[in-house]
Protein backbone atom coordinates (compact mmCIF):
# COMPACT_ATOMS: atom_id res chain seq x y z
CA UNK A 1 108.75 124.57 105.25
CA UNK A 2 108.00 120.89 104.71
CA UNK A 3 105.46 119.92 102.07
CA UNK A 4 102.62 118.17 103.92
CA UNK A 5 101.04 115.10 102.36
CA UNK A 6 97.85 113.80 103.97
CA UNK A 7 96.45 110.37 103.13
CA UNK A 8 92.80 110.40 104.09
CA UNK A 9 89.51 108.60 103.60
CA UNK A 10 86.79 108.04 106.17
CA UNK A 11 86.38 104.38 105.16
CA UNK A 12 88.68 101.65 106.40
CA UNK A 13 90.32 99.12 104.09
CA UNK A 14 90.93 101.49 101.20
CA UNK A 15 94.72 101.05 101.24
CA UNK A 16 95.75 104.21 103.12
CA UNK A 17 98.58 102.63 105.12
CA UNK A 18 99.93 100.69 102.13
CA UNK A 19 99.85 103.86 100.04
CA UNK A 20 101.50 105.86 102.83
CA UNK A 21 104.34 103.39 103.36
CA UNK A 22 105.15 102.95 99.69
CA UNK A 23 105.07 106.68 99.06
CA UNK A 24 107.21 107.48 102.12
CA UNK A 25 109.74 104.80 101.19
CA UNK A 26 109.83 105.93 97.57
CA UNK A 27 110.61 109.49 98.65
CA UNK A 28 113.42 108.54 101.05
CA UNK A 29 114.94 106.20 98.50
CA UNK A 30 115.08 109.14 96.09
CA UNK A 31 117.01 111.16 98.65
CA UNK A 32 114.24 113.19 100.31
CA UNK A 33 113.81 113.41 104.07
CA UNK A 34 110.36 112.28 105.25
CA UNK A 35 108.72 112.56 108.66
CA UNK A 36 105.63 110.45 109.30
CA UNK A 37 102.63 110.61 111.61
CA UNK A 38 99.81 108.10 112.11
CA UNK A 39 96.57 109.62 113.39
CA UNK A 40 94.84 106.27 113.90
CA UNK A 41 95.83 106.28 117.57
CA UNK A 42 94.34 102.84 118.23
CA UNK A 43 95.33 100.66 115.28
CA UNK A 44 98.50 102.51 114.12
CA UNK A 45 98.90 100.42 110.95
CA UNK A 46 101.26 102.92 109.33
CA UNK A 47 103.28 103.31 112.51
CA UNK A 48 103.50 99.54 112.90
CA UNK A 49 104.65 99.26 109.29
CA UNK A 50 107.60 101.60 109.96
CA UNK A 51 108.32 99.87 113.30
CA UNK A 52 108.35 96.47 111.57
CA UNK A 53 110.75 97.83 108.97
CA UNK A 54 113.30 99.11 111.47
CA UNK A 55 113.15 95.89 113.50
CA UNK A 56 113.57 93.65 110.45
CA UNK A 57 116.43 95.70 108.99
CA UNK A 58 118.25 95.62 112.33
CA UNK A 59 117.81 91.86 112.57
CA UNK A 60 118.96 91.35 108.97
CA UNK A 61 121.90 93.72 109.40
CA UNK A 62 120.75 95.92 106.54
CA UNK A 63 120.75 99.69 106.23
CA UNK A 64 118.06 100.89 103.83
CA UNK A 65 116.57 104.38 103.57
CA UNK A 66 113.58 104.64 105.91
CA UNK A 67 111.10 107.37 106.83
CA UNK A 68 111.19 108.81 110.34
CA UNK A 69 108.08 108.01 112.36
CA UNK A 70 106.96 110.17 115.29
CA UNK A 71 104.24 109.62 117.87
CA UNK A 72 101.97 112.53 118.70
CA UNK A 73 103.32 114.25 121.82
CA UNK A 74 101.60 114.64 125.15
CA UNK A 75 101.54 118.34 125.97
CA UNK A 76 101.19 118.84 129.72
CA UNK A 77 97.55 119.00 130.67
CA UNK A 78 96.44 120.18 127.23
CA UNK A 79 95.76 117.20 124.99
CA UNK A 80 93.64 118.87 122.32
CA UNK A 81 93.95 117.52 118.79
CA UNK A 82 95.01 120.89 117.42
CA UNK A 83 97.88 121.33 119.88
CA UNK A 84 99.17 117.76 119.64
CA UNK A 85 99.17 117.63 115.86
CA UNK A 86 100.46 121.17 115.49
CA UNK A 87 103.39 120.46 117.79
CA UNK A 88 104.24 117.20 115.98
CA UNK A 89 104.18 118.90 112.58
CA UNK A 90 106.28 121.80 113.87
CA UNK A 91 108.91 119.33 115.04
CA UNK A 92 109.23 117.90 111.53
CA UNK A 93 109.33 121.13 109.55
CA UNK A 94 113.00 120.69 108.65
CA UNK A 95 112.12 117.59 106.59
CA UNK A 96 111.35 117.81 102.88
CA UNK A 97 108.02 116.08 103.37
CA UNK A 98 105.67 115.27 106.24
CA UNK A 99 103.34 112.37 105.50
CA UNK A 100 100.24 112.02 107.70
CA UNK A 101 98.10 108.88 107.58
CA UNK A 102 94.53 109.52 108.79
CA UNK A 103 92.15 106.99 110.38
CA UNK A 104 89.23 105.45 108.51
CA UNK A 105 86.76 107.48 110.53
CA UNK A 106 85.80 111.08 111.23
CA UNK A 107 87.93 112.52 114.02
CA UNK A 108 89.07 115.97 115.07
CA UNK A 109 92.69 114.99 114.37
CA UNK A 110 91.74 114.07 110.82
CA UNK A 111 89.90 117.36 110.35
CA UNK A 112 92.93 119.35 111.49
CA UNK A 113 95.28 117.30 109.29
CA UNK A 114 93.18 117.88 106.17
CA UNK A 115 93.38 121.64 106.70
CA UNK A 116 97.19 121.31 106.85
CA UNK A 117 97.46 119.35 103.60
CA UNK A 118 99.40 120.72 100.66
CA UNK A 119 98.70 117.45 98.88
CA UNK A 120 95.71 115.28 99.83
CA UNK A 121 95.65 111.67 98.67
CA UNK A 122 92.36 109.78 98.96
CA UNK A 123 92.73 106.05 98.21
CA UNK A 124 89.42 104.66 97.00
CA UNK A 125 88.46 101.06 96.33
CA UNK A 126 86.93 100.69 92.88
CA UNK A 127 83.44 100.34 94.30
CA UNK A 128 80.35 102.50 94.52
CA UNK A 129 80.27 101.66 98.23
CA UNK A 130 83.44 103.72 98.60
CA UNK A 131 82.29 106.29 96.05
CA UNK A 132 79.34 107.07 98.33
CA UNK A 133 81.74 108.82 100.73
CA UNK A 134 82.52 111.31 97.97
CA UNK A 135 79.09 111.82 96.45
CA UNK A 136 75.52 110.57 96.31
CA UNK A 137 74.55 109.12 92.97
CA UNK A 138 71.21 108.29 91.35
CA UNK A 139 70.87 104.52 91.01
CA UNK A 140 69.11 104.66 87.63
CA UNK A 141 70.68 107.55 85.75
CA UNK A 142 74.08 107.55 87.53
CA UNK A 143 73.61 111.30 87.87
CA UNK A 144 75.57 112.84 90.75
CA UNK A 145 73.07 114.23 93.25
CA UNK A 146 75.53 116.05 95.48
CA UNK A 147 78.69 115.77 97.59
CA UNK A 148 78.75 113.37 100.51
CA UNK A 149 80.30 113.50 103.97
CA UNK A 150 83.98 113.19 103.11
CA UNK A 151 83.85 115.69 100.24
CA UNK A 152 82.13 118.13 102.58
CA UNK A 153 84.97 117.75 105.09
CA UNK A 154 87.54 118.45 102.37
CA UNK A 155 85.55 121.52 101.35
CA UNK A 156 85.66 122.76 104.95
CA UNK A 157 89.44 122.19 105.01
CA UNK A 158 89.80 124.15 101.78
CA UNK A 159 87.84 127.04 103.23
CA UNK A 160 90.03 127.05 106.35
CA UNK A 161 93.20 127.19 104.22
CA UNK A 162 91.79 130.00 102.08
CA UNK A 163 90.92 132.03 105.18
CA UNK A 164 94.49 131.51 106.47
CA UNK A 165 95.97 132.68 103.16
CA UNK A 166 97.47 129.29 102.33
CA UNK A 167 97.70 127.78 98.87
CA UNK A 168 94.86 125.46 97.77
CA UNK A 169 94.97 121.73 98.47
CA UNK A 170 96.02 119.55 95.54
CA UNK A 171 93.52 116.72 95.98
CA UNK A 172 94.16 113.40 94.24
CA UNK A 173 91.70 110.50 94.39
CA UNK A 174 93.60 107.25 93.88
CA UNK A 175 91.74 104.26 92.45
CA UNK A 176 92.87 101.13 94.32
CA UNK A 177 92.03 97.48 93.66
CA UNK A 178 91.31 98.10 90.00
CA UNK A 179 90.27 95.06 88.02
CA UNK A 180 92.66 93.88 85.34
CA UNK A 181 89.93 93.78 82.71
CA UNK A 182 87.57 96.46 81.39
CA UNK A 183 84.64 95.40 83.54
CA UNK A 184 81.33 97.28 83.51
CA UNK A 185 81.73 98.46 87.11
CA UNK A 186 85.25 99.73 86.37
CA UNK A 187 83.99 101.78 83.43
CA UNK A 188 81.06 103.20 85.41
CA UNK A 189 83.33 104.12 88.33
CA UNK A 190 85.77 105.82 86.00
CA UNK A 191 83.05 107.87 84.33
CA UNK A 192 81.48 108.85 87.67
CA UNK A 193 84.84 109.92 89.13
CA UNK A 194 85.68 112.03 86.09
CA UNK A 195 82.32 113.84 86.33
CA UNK A 196 82.74 114.40 90.06
CA UNK A 197 86.37 115.54 89.67
CA UNK A 198 85.25 118.42 87.45
CA UNK A 199 82.45 119.32 89.83
CA UNK A 200 84.29 119.43 93.18
CA UNK A 201 87.90 119.77 92.10
CA UNK A 202 90.21 116.77 92.41
CA UNK A 203 92.51 114.81 90.13
CA UNK A 204 92.17 111.06 89.52
CA UNK A 205 95.22 108.80 89.58
CA UNK A 206 95.66 105.03 89.24
CA UNK A 207 96.55 103.22 92.45
CA UNK A 208 97.34 99.63 93.36
CA UNK A 209 95.76 96.45 92.10
CA UNK A 210 94.75 93.71 94.55
CA UNK A 211 97.99 91.80 95.13
CA UNK A 212 99.01 89.39 97.88
CA UNK A 213 102.52 90.86 97.94
CA UNK A 214 101.31 94.02 99.69
CA UNK A 215 100.00 92.00 102.65
CA UNK A 216 103.06 89.73 102.73
CA UNK A 217 105.50 92.63 103.08
CA UNK A 218 103.84 94.25 106.12
CA UNK A 219 105.36 92.02 108.88
CA UNK A 220 108.87 92.93 107.69
CA UNK A 221 108.00 96.55 106.98
CA UNK A 222 109.25 96.24 103.42
CA UNK A 223 107.89 97.68 100.19
CA UNK A 224 108.14 96.57 96.60
CA UNK A 225 111.00 99.01 96.16
CA UNK A 226 113.12 97.12 98.71
CA UNK A 227 112.95 93.59 97.30
CA UNK A 228 116.05 93.71 95.11
CA UNK A 229 118.12 94.97 98.07
CA UNK A 230 116.94 92.45 100.65
CA UNK A 231 116.97 89.08 98.97
CA UNK A 232 113.35 88.61 100.08
CA UNK A 233 111.35 86.93 97.37
CA UNK A 234 111.84 87.53 93.69
CA UNK A 235 110.75 90.13 91.22
CA UNK A 236 108.22 88.03 89.32
CA UNK A 237 105.97 89.59 86.69
CA UNK A 238 103.29 90.47 89.24
CA UNK A 239 105.79 92.22 91.48
CA UNK A 240 107.29 94.11 88.54
CA UNK A 241 103.80 95.28 87.57
CA UNK A 242 103.12 96.35 91.17
CA UNK A 243 106.40 98.26 91.27
CA UNK A 244 105.33 100.09 88.12
CA UNK A 245 102.08 101.03 89.87
CA UNK A 246 104.09 102.68 92.64
CA UNK A 247 106.16 104.56 90.06
CA UNK A 248 103.04 105.72 88.19
CA UNK A 249 101.43 106.95 91.41
CA UNK A 250 104.48 108.98 92.48
CA UNK A 251 104.64 110.55 89.02
CA UNK A 252 100.93 111.39 89.08
CA UNK A 253 101.23 113.17 92.43
CA UNK A 254 103.61 115.74 90.88
CA UNK A 255 105.20 116.58 94.23
CA UNK A 256 107.53 119.60 94.37
CA UNK A 257 111.18 118.79 93.73
CA UNK A 258 110.49 115.09 93.05
CA UNK A 259 111.86 113.44 89.95
CA UNK A 260 111.05 109.74 89.86
CA UNK A 261 114.30 107.79 89.67
CA UNK A 262 113.32 104.22 90.54
């Protein structure tokens, strides 16, 4: 059975598609087979990323490891979220990993995907605006008042998996757009996440800093791991640091059978 990785957060702009593409590419470059699904049926940023990659590689005459992207199938007259997603996942079960990118909103497809997750990755901008999706916090004391909407959905998914006799979700909250200096907000966010992690059960991992290179690579469908093989741009100090961020994230996920070799 494939190990299912779900990248989810009910807020847009947190770096879900960038995280998904770099993780999927890292896995295939290390020799693992990866099937991909994008549940944002309107925007399809992750799907477009893979599509851009295949088109650019064909044009450049290059053959680089790439994840396999699938659209959700139409199933006769029955178009329910459960059936469509279940059928798509079933068709990818011979892969080592299935990576599912969820939309930045609450949908039935996203609910179903979260209940399927062996590993759940939640990219989070280093902001209390994003933190509010996980928990409500007192403005004066910084005391956590209780879980918020997204955490409640994850809890529901965990209950569904427990009732089905499946292993618990390994939930990792990934801190994206971290500042390069020890700013007050960064320290407060770190402390709040550590308190919440113990309370509702997730791990915290470092994500990606704010870098122009991530946006520049999208039209060609490339990742930082591809630069040395494509002749596109150079590995300056910023790009080397960003590549290290990808390596650190993959290590932190502790995925089964994955030994980081890039």
